[in-house]
Amino acid sequence: MKTESKLESILNKGEFAVTAEIGPPKHSSPEAIKHHAEMMRDYVDATNITDCQTAIVRMSSIAAGLHVMKNGIEPIIQMTCRDRNRIAMQSDLLGAYSLGVRNVLCLSGDHQKFGNHPTAKNVYDIDSMQLINMVRRMRDDKVFLCGEEIKQAEPRFFIGAVANPFADPFEFRVVRLEKKINAGAEFIQTQCIFDMERFERFMEMVRQRGLHERVHILAGVTPLKSWRAAKYMQTSVSGMIVPDEIVERLKKAEDPKKEGIEICIEQIKHIRNIPGVHGVHIMAIAWEEIVPEIVQRAGLYPRPKAE
């Protein structure tokens, strides 16, 4: 029998979920992780623990997830295909589950050329679609990827994946999403959304295929600190669309950070009215302290209790 994670329970009840993100440090002290977990504890249902984001060496997602869990938040550990082969992945999944982790987000991972070890060898033994399927088979079929039986205590994760509603070709975005659902994804967190019109078109295609009834979609939002940050995302981040009016609005603002928060809150309120969206994923990059204010002012506090 599958034991629901808190996040899974809240989504299955039909509540609008809230997740956030905590980036592990580039050192071995857990103090910042504990601080962020204590601060967010009452405002989110779970928090992503990134896996060496942008291919920069950081504390492991599983270890950081344990610190978060000890401080009252359910972690969603990320696992990328970049750094591990299928043996290491399955080993880490067993280990994470044994420690009490119940949610996993499956990703390809940023290419190592973007990180602090650009000459490192990538692995990509399997891709994100195969990783999703592998986690599902370990849980539902009770087998390792090689077909060998897991004779007891199989890891029963709530399986997540990511989606970018904005990359080209646009029409293929929903096809790729459906493939991830077919592979075993049960919840989806999207790339940062700034272009609401395009996201609404994406969700319309999702509903046409009935995918919103097969998976829980959490829309990604990011509070911006400055017009330069918005401009960088607009011009330098692949698959990201930032409308000019957002850049101009931040440029004209007396207090850009305050304006960035206002924009994020407006986006959340808009997203809540889009049929088929089941929650929001707040990516406050190096700005975790702002998450409680955003959740509260967006009308998402207090959070519902899990079963």
Protein backbone atom coordinates (compact mmCIF):
# COMPACT_ATOMS: atom_id res chain seq x y z
CA MET A 1 0.00 0.00 0.00
CA LYS A 2 1.35 3.43 -0.98
CA THR A 3 1.87 5.92 1.84
CA GLU A 4 1.13 9.45 0.68
CA SER A 5 3.60 12.24 1.24
CA LYS A 6 2.23 15.47 2.70
CA LEU A 7 2.47 17.15 -0.71
CA GLU A 8 0.67 14.26 -2.40
CA SER A 9 -2.07 14.28 0.23
CA ILE A 10 -2.71 18.01 -0.17
CA LEU A 11 -2.82 17.77 -3.96
CA ASN A 12 -5.09 14.72 -3.90
CA LYS A 13 -7.50 16.60 -1.62
CA GLY A 14 -7.82 19.25 -4.34
CA GLU A 15 -6.06 21.96 -2.35
CA PHE A 16 -3.92 24.57 -4.15
CA ALA A 17 -0.38 23.53 -3.20
CA VAL A 18 2.58 25.78 -2.46
CA THR A 19 6.18 24.64 -2.84
CA ALA A 20 9.38 26.64 -2.67
CA GLU A 21 13.07 26.02 -3.20
CA ILE A 22 16.13 25.88 -0.96
CA GLY A 23 19.55 25.78 -2.57
CA PRO A 24 22.14 23.81 -0.57
CA PRO A 25 25.34 25.72 0.28
CA LYS A 26 28.79 25.46 -1.27
CA HIS A 27 30.14 24.25 2.09
CA SER A 28 29.34 21.64 4.73
CA SER A 29 27.51 23.76 7.32
CA PRO A 30 23.74 23.17 7.50
CA GLU A 31 22.96 26.39 9.39
CA ALA A 32 21.61 28.37 6.41
CA ILE A 33 19.44 25.41 5.35
CA LYS A 34 18.02 25.13 8.87
CA HIS A 35 17.34 28.88 8.97
CA HIS A 36 15.48 28.85 5.66
CA ALA A 37 13.49 25.76 6.67
CA GLU A 38 12.43 27.30 9.99
CA MET A 39 11.44 30.50 8.21
CA MET A 40 9.34 28.76 5.52
CA ARG A 41 7.97 25.96 7.68
CA ASP A 42 4.40 27.25 8.10
CA TYR A 43 4.14 28.78 4.63
CA VAL A 44 4.87 25.94 2.18
CA ASP A 45 3.76 22.33 1.82
CA ALA A 46 7.17 21.10 0.67
CA THR A 47 10.41 22.55 -0.60
CA ASN A 48 12.69 21.52 -3.44
CA ILE A 49 16.28 20.76 -2.55
CA THR A 50 18.33 21.41 -5.66
CA ASP A 51 20.94 18.94 -6.91
CA CYS A 52 24.12 20.91 -7.64
CA GLN A 53 22.14 23.55 -9.51
CA THR A 54 23.84 25.15 -12.54
CA ALA A 55 26.41 22.32 -12.26
CA ILE A 56 28.13 23.98 -9.29
CA VAL A 57 29.35 21.77 -6.42
CA ARG A 58 27.04 22.05 -3.42
CA MET A 59 25.98 19.95 -0.45
CA SER A 60 24.12 16.89 -1.69
CA SER A 61 20.38 17.18 -2.18
CA ILE A 62 19.68 14.16 0.04
CA ALA A 63 21.80 15.40 2.95
CA ALA A 64 20.32 18.90 2.70
CA GLY A 65 16.85 17.36 2.46
CA LEU A 66 17.41 15.57 5.76
CA HIS A 67 18.31 18.88 7.46
CA VAL A 68 15.15 20.46 6.04
CA MET A 69 13.03 17.53 7.22
CA LYS A 70 14.47 17.75 10.74
CA ASN A 71 13.39 21.38 10.78
CA GLY A 72 9.77 20.75 9.94
CA ILE A 73 9.43 20.86 6.14
CA GLU A 74 8.86 17.98 3.78
CA PRO A 75 11.66 17.92 1.19
CA ILE A 76 11.43 17.26 -2.52
CA ILE A 77 14.88 16.02 -3.41
CA GLN A 78 16.04 16.70 -6.93
CA MET A 79 17.94 14.04 -8.83
CA THR A 80 19.74 14.86 -12.07
CA CYS A 81 21.00 12.54 -14.76
CA ARG A 82 24.19 14.55 -15.20
CA ASP A 83 26.25 13.14 -12.32
CA ARG A 84 25.18 9.53 -11.68
CA ASN A 85 24.76 6.32 -13.58
CA ARG A 86 21.75 4.06 -13.02
CA ILE A 87 23.50 2.11 -10.24
CA ALA A 88 24.26 5.23 -8.21
CA MET A 89 20.80 6.67 -8.81
CA GLN A 90 18.99 3.58 -7.56
CA SER A 91 21.34 3.36 -4.59
CA ASP A 92 20.68 7.00 -3.67
CA LEU A 93 16.93 6.52 -4.08
CA LEU A 94 16.97 3.60 -1.63
CA GLY A 95 19.08 5.64 0.78
CA ALA A 96 16.88 8.73 0.55
CA TYR A 97 13.72 6.73 1.15
CA SER A 98 15.30 4.99 4.15
CA LEU A 99 15.89 8.44 5.67
CA GLY A 100 12.24 9.42 5.31
CA VAL A 101 12.30 11.32 2.02
CA ARG A 102 9.06 10.76 0.11
CA ASN A 103 9.18 13.14 -2.89
CA VAL A 104 11.64 13.12 -5.79
CA LEU A 105 11.93 15.48 -8.76
CA CYS A 106 13.57 13.95 -11.83
CA LEU A 107 15.68 16.22 -14.06
CA SER A 108 18.29 16.06 -16.79
CA GLY A 109 20.49 18.62 -15.01
CA ASP A 110 22.33 21.70 -16.26
CA HIS A 111 25.28 20.89 -18.52
CA GLN A 112 28.62 20.91 -16.69
CA LYS A 113 30.03 23.59 -19.00
CA PHE A 114 27.87 26.12 -17.10
CA GLY A 115 29.31 25.21 -13.69
CA ASN A 116 32.57 25.46 -11.75
CA HIS A 117 33.98 22.24 -13.23
CA PRO A 118 33.40 22.75 -16.97
CA THR A 119 35.85 19.99 -17.95
CA ALA A 120 34.14 17.37 -15.75
CA LYS A 121 32.77 14.31 -17.54
CA ASN A 122 29.00 14.19 -17.62
CA VAL A 123 27.22 10.87 -17.16
CA TYR A 124 23.74 10.96 -18.70
CA ASP A 125 23.60 7.16 -18.50
CA ILE A 126 19.82 7.54 -18.71
CA ASP A 127 17.73 10.61 -19.52
CA SER A 128 15.05 12.28 -17.42
CA MET A 129 12.23 10.31 -19.08
CA GLN A 130 14.00 7.02 -18.28
CA LEU A 131 14.72 8.23 -14.74
CA ILE A 132 11.02 8.93 -14.15
CA ASN A 133 10.16 5.48 -15.45
CA MET A 134 12.87 3.85 -13.35
CA VAL A 135 11.53 5.40 -10.12
CA ARG A 136 8.00 4.31 -11.03
CA ARG A 137 9.12 0.74 -11.77
CA MET A 138 11.01 0.54 -8.46
CA ARG A 139 7.80 1.56 -6.70
CA ASP A 140 5.01 -0.12 -8.67
CA ASP A 141 6.71 -3.15 -10.21
CA LYS A 142 9.14 -3.65 -7.31
CA VAL A 143 12.09 -4.15 -9.64
CA PHE A 144 15.41 -2.48 -10.30
CA LEU A 145 16.03 -1.17 -13.80
CA CYS A 146 17.81 -4.41 -14.70
CA GLY A 147 14.63 -6.35 -13.89
CA GLU A 148 15.85 -7.86 -10.61
CA GLU A 149 13.14 -8.01 -7.97
CA ILE A 150 13.20 -5.66 -4.96
CA LYS A 151 12.23 -8.30 -2.43
CA GLN A 152 11.18 -5.97 0.38
CA ALA A 153 10.78 -2.30 1.33
CA GLU A 154 10.62 -0.84 -2.18
CA PRO A 155 10.90 2.99 -2.29
CA ARG A 156 7.42 4.44 -2.82
CA PHE A 157 8.15 7.98 -3.96
CA PHE A 158 5.73 10.67 -5.11
CA ILE A 159 7.31 11.28 -8.52
CA GLY A 160 7.82 14.74 -9.95
CA ALA A 161 9.20 16.16 -13.18
CA VAL A 162 9.66 19.57 -14.77
CA ALA A 163 8.15 21.25 -17.81
CA ASN A 164 9.08 24.34 -19.79
CA PRO A 165 5.92 25.78 -21.39
CA PHE A 166 7.93 28.33 -23.38
CA ALA A 167 10.72 26.61 -25.31
CA ASP A 168 10.38 26.09 -29.05
CA PRO A 169 8.83 24.34 -30.81
CA PHE A 170 5.93 25.49 -28.63
CA GLU A 171 3.47 22.82 -29.81
CA PHE A 172 5.91 20.09 -28.74
CA ARG A 173 5.90 21.25 -25.10
CA VAL A 174 2.63 19.50 -24.30
CA VAL A 175 3.70 16.35 -26.20
CA ARG A 176 6.83 16.13 -24.07
CA LEU A 177 4.74 16.70 -20.94
CA GLU A 178 2.47 13.81 -21.90
CA LYS A 179 5.50 11.54 -22.38
CA LYS A 180 6.66 12.36 -18.85
CA ILE A 181 3.20 11.59 -17.48
CA ASN A 182 3.16 8.28 -19.36
CA ALA A 183 6.59 7.49 -17.89
CA GLY A 184 5.22 7.95 -14.37
CA ALA A 185 5.32 11.64 -13.39
CA GLU A 186 2.60 12.51 -10.87
CA PHE A 187 3.37 16.19 -10.31
CA ILE A 188 4.96 18.78 -12.56
CA GLN A 189 6.79 21.97 -11.65
CA THR A 190 7.15 24.43 -14.51
CA GLN A 191 9.87 26.84 -15.56
CA CYS A 192 9.49 30.43 -14.29
CA ILE A 193 6.38 31.99 -15.82
CA PHE A 194 6.36 35.65 -16.81
CA ASP A 195 4.41 35.49 -20.08
CA MET A 196 0.91 34.71 -18.80
CA GLU A 197 -0.71 34.70 -22.24
CA ARG A 198 1.64 32.01 -23.53
CA PHE A 199 1.22 29.97 -20.35
CA GLU A 200 -2.56 30.15 -20.75
CA ARG A 201 -2.20 28.81 -24.30
CA PHE A 202 -0.01 25.98 -22.96
CA MET A 203 -2.61 25.12 -20.32
CA GLU A 204 -5.33 25.15 -22.96
CA MET A 205 -3.42 22.46 -24.87
CA VAL A 206 -2.92 20.56 -21.59
CA ARG A 207 -6.68 20.58 -20.96
CA GLN A 208 -7.47 19.56 -24.54
CA ARG A 209 -5.46 16.38 -23.97
CA GLY A 210 -6.94 15.86 -20.50
CA LEU A 211 -3.47 15.94 -18.94
CA HIS A 212 -4.57 18.18 -16.06
CA GLU A 213 -6.64 15.22 -14.85
CA ARG A 214 -3.65 12.88 -14.93
CA VAL A 215 -0.98 15.01 -13.26
CA HIS A 216 -0.74 17.83 -10.71
CA ILE A 217 0.69 20.97 -12.34
CA LEU A 218 2.48 23.52 -10.16
CA ALA A 219 3.24 26.78 -11.97
CA GLY A 220 6.68 28.26 -11.34
CA VAL A 221 7.08 31.92 -10.32
CA THR A 222 10.18 33.94 -9.47
CA PRO A 223 10.29 37.32 -7.69
CA LEU A 224 12.79 39.57 -9.49
CA LYS A 225 15.05 41.95 -7.59
CA SER A 226 15.93 44.34 -10.42
CA TRP A 227 15.32 45.20 -14.07
CA ARG A 228 18.81 43.91 -14.84
CA ALA A 229 17.85 40.48 -13.49
CA ALA A 230 14.73 40.58 -15.69
CA LYS A 231 16.76 41.66 -18.71
CA TYR A 232 19.30 38.88 -18.12
CA MET A 233 16.52 36.27 -18.03
CA GLN A 234 14.99 37.83 -21.13
CA THR A 235 18.16 37.79 -23.21
CA SER A 236 20.46 35.13 -21.76
CA VAL A 237 18.37 32.27 -20.33
CA SER A 238 17.34 29.70 -22.92
CA GLY A 239 13.62 28.88 -23.06
CA MET A 240 12.62 31.89 -20.94
CA ILE A 241 10.20 34.60 -22.04
CA VAL A 242 10.11 37.85 -20.05
CA PRO A 243 7.77 40.50 -21.52
CA ASP A 244 9.22 43.99 -22.06
CA GLU A 245 6.57 45.53 -19.80
CA ILE A 246 7.98 43.66 -16.79
CA VAL A 247 11.50 44.92 -17.52
CA GLU A 248 10.17 48.49 -17.92
CA ARG A 249 8.03 48.28 -14.81
CA LEU A 250 11.06 47.27 -12.72
CA LYS A 251 13.23 49.91 -14.39
CA LYS A 252 10.76 52.69 -13.50
CA ALA A 253 10.11 51.51 -9.95
CA GLU A 254 11.43 53.56 -7.02
CA ASP A 255 11.97 50.30 -5.11
CA PRO A 256 12.64 47.51 -7.66
CA LYS A 257 12.63 44.73 -5.04
CA LYS A 258 9.24 45.82 -3.73
CA GLU A 259 7.95 46.01 -7.30
CA GLY A 260 9.34 42.53 -8.02
CA ILE A 261 7.37 41.17 -5.07
CA GLU A 262 4.19 42.92 -6.26
CA ILE A 263 4.59 41.43 -9.74
CA CYS A 264 5.07 37.94 -8.30
CA ILE A 265 1.95 38.24 -6.13
CA GLU A 266 -0.07 39.45 -9.13
CA GLN A 267 1.20 36.48 -11.14
CA ILE A 268 0.15 34.00 -8.44
CA LYS A 269 -3.33 35.50 -8.24
CA HIS A 270 -3.62 35.24 -12.04
CA ILE A 271 -2.34 31.65 -12.08
CA ARG A 272 -4.88 30.55 -9.45
CA ASN A 273 -7.67 31.36 -11.92
CA ILE A 274 -6.24 29.24 -14.75
CA PRO A 275 -8.13 25.91 -14.96
CA GLY A 276 -5.94 22.85 -14.52
CA VAL A 277 -3.25 24.49 -12.38
CA HIS A 278 -2.98 22.71 -9.01
CA GLY A 279 -0.42 24.84 -7.21
CA VAL A 280 2.46 27.26 -7.40
CA HIS A 281 6.20 26.70 -7.10
CA ILE A 282 8.04 29.78 -5.78
CA MET A 283 11.66 30.00 -6.90
CA ALA A 284 13.05 32.91 -4.87
CA ILE A 285 16.61 32.59 -6.12
CA ALA A 286 18.99 33.57 -3.28
CA TRP A 287 16.00 35.38 -1.72
CA GLU A 288 14.34 32.68 0.38
CA GLU A 289 13.46 35.20 3.10
CA ILE A 290 10.74 36.71 0.92
CA VAL A 291 8.72 33.50 0.50
CA PRO A 292 6.54 33.90 3.64
CA GLU A 293 5.50 37.43 2.62
CA ILE A 294 4.62 36.33 -0.91
CA VAL A 295 2.56 33.36 0.33
CA GLN A 296 0.72 35.47 2.88
CA ARG A 297 -0.04 38.39 0.57
CA ALA A 298 -1.10 36.10 -2.27
CA GLY A 299 -3.85 34.72 -0.02
CA LEU A 300 -2.26 31.28 0.36
CA TYR A 301 -1.81 31.38 4.13
CA PRO A 302 -2.54 29.51 6.35
CA ARG A 303 -1.64 26.28 4.58
CA PRO A 304 -4.00 23.27 4.68
CA LYS A 305 -3.15 20.25 6.77
CA ALA A 306 -2.35 16.91 5.16
CA GLU A 307 -4.32 13.78 6.00
